Amino acid sequence: MARAILIIAAVADLLLAALLIGVSGFILGAGPESLHGDALVTAGWTAMIVGCIAAPVLGFVLRAFHRPVGGILLAWLPPLVALAAMAIPPRY
């Protein structure tokens, strides 16, 4: 059961990473419709992508070390953080 939940979490994490990569040009790009993100935004964006890729891998590692609950929580952390970030209202 834990393996199936981890697989679903890995798919969700990889889809979130693909979304972050897909919209990165609108945040970090130099075009007229981008936000022209600075170095801090670039570092945060890179950390989010790395976290989305590393979380399911570490979740499966924890499952292999007989810690399936910790692995499931770790694997679902990026989608839950993304949902929490969506709940924060933007500054105008």
Protein backbone atom coordinates (compact mmCIF):
# COMPACT_ATOMS: atom_id res chain seq x y z
CA MET A 1 0.00 0.00 0.00
CA ALA A 2 2.82 2.39 0.87
CA ARG A 3 4.43 1.71 -2.50
CA ALA A 4 1.28 2.72 -4.39
CA ILE A 5 0.97 5.94 -2.39
CA LEU A 6 4.63 6.72 -3.06
CA ILE A 7 4.17 6.11 -6.78
CA ILE A 8 1.21 8.49 -6.87
CA ALA A 9 3.25 11.05 -4.91
CA ALA A 10 6.17 10.65 -7.34
CA VAL A 11 3.86 11.32 -10.29
CA ALA A 12 2.45 14.40 -8.54
CA ASP A 13 5.95 15.65 -7.74
CA LEU A 14 7.19 15.16 -11.29
CA LEU A 15 4.13 16.91 -12.70
CA LEU A 16 4.73 19.81 -10.33
CA ALA A 17 8.39 19.96 -11.42
CA ALA A 18 7.29 19.98 -15.07
CA LEU A 19 4.88 22.82 -14.32
CA LEU A 20 7.63 24.79 -12.58
CA ILE A 21 9.96 24.29 -15.53
CA GLY A 22 7.19 25.17 -17.98
CA VAL A 23 6.35 28.51 -16.40
CA SER A 24 9.90 29.46 -15.40
CA GLY A 25 10.26 31.68 -18.47
CA PHE A 26 7.42 33.87 -17.26
CA ILE A 27 9.11 34.32 -13.88
CA LEU A 28 12.82 34.32 -14.68
CA GLY A 29 12.95 35.28 -18.36
CA ALA A 30 14.00 38.51 -20.01
CA GLY A 31 10.97 38.91 -22.27
CA PRO A 32 8.41 41.68 -22.04
CA GLU A 33 5.85 39.51 -20.25
CA SER A 34 8.20 38.09 -17.61
CA LEU A 35 8.69 39.30 -14.05
CA HIS A 36 12.50 39.56 -14.48
CA GLY A 37 13.31 37.55 -11.34
CA ASP A 38 16.56 38.34 -9.58
CA ALA A 39 19.14 35.93 -8.12
CA LEU A 40 17.10 35.19 -4.99
CA VAL A 41 14.05 34.24 -7.05
CA THR A 42 16.22 32.06 -9.30
CA ALA A 43 17.73 30.28 -6.29
CA GLY A 44 14.30 29.68 -4.77
CA TRP A 45 12.89 28.44 -8.07
CA THR A 46 15.82 26.04 -8.50
CA ALA A 47 15.37 24.79 -4.93
CA MET A 48 11.69 24.09 -5.61
CA ILE A 49 12.51 22.06 -8.72
CA VAL A 50 15.26 20.11 -6.95
CA GLY A 51 12.93 19.48 -4.01
CA CYS A 52 10.21 18.17 -6.33
CA ILE A 53 12.66 15.71 -7.86
CA ALA A 54 14.47 14.69 -4.65
CA ALA A 55 11.40 14.21 -2.42
CA PRO A 56 10.03 11.04 -4.07
CA VAL A 57 13.51 9.56 -4.35
CA LEU A 58 14.10 10.10 -0.64
CA GLY A 59 10.60 8.77 0.04
CA PHE A 60 11.45 5.48 -1.66
CA VAL A 61 14.76 5.38 0.23
CA LEU A 62 12.95 5.79 3.54
CA ARG A 63 10.53 3.04 2.51
CA ALA A 64 13.50 0.77 1.81
CA PHE A 65 14.78 1.51 5.33
CA HIS A 66 11.38 0.41 6.74
CA ARG A 67 10.13 3.96 7.40
CA PRO A 68 7.16 4.08 5.01
CA VAL A 69 5.22 6.78 6.86
CA GLY A 70 8.17 9.17 6.80
CA GLY A 71 8.70 8.39 3.13
CA ILE A 72 5.07 9.10 2.29
CA LEU A 73 5.10 12.38 4.22
CA LEU A 74 8.33 13.46 2.57
CA ALA A 75 7.12 12.53 -0.91
CA TRP A 76 3.86 14.48 -0.50
CA LEU A 77 5.61 17.54 0.98
CA PRO A 78 6.18 19.47 -2.32
CA PRO A 79 2.55 19.26 -3.51
CA LEU A 80 1.29 20.24 -0.05
CA VAL A 81 3.69 23.20 0.12
CA ALA A 82 2.56 24.24 -3.38
CA LEU A 83 -1.08 24.15 -2.27
CA ALA A 84 -0.24 26.20 0.82
CA ALA A 85 1.66 28.72 -1.32
CA MET A 86 -1.36 29.07 -3.61
CA ALA A 87 -3.46 30.05 -0.58
CA ILE A 88 -1.25 33.08 0.17
CA PRO A 89 -2.77 36.19 -1.40
CA PRO A 90 -0.49 38.13 -3.77
CA ARG A 91 0.92 41.54 -2.95
CA TYR A 92 -0.28 44.32 -5.22
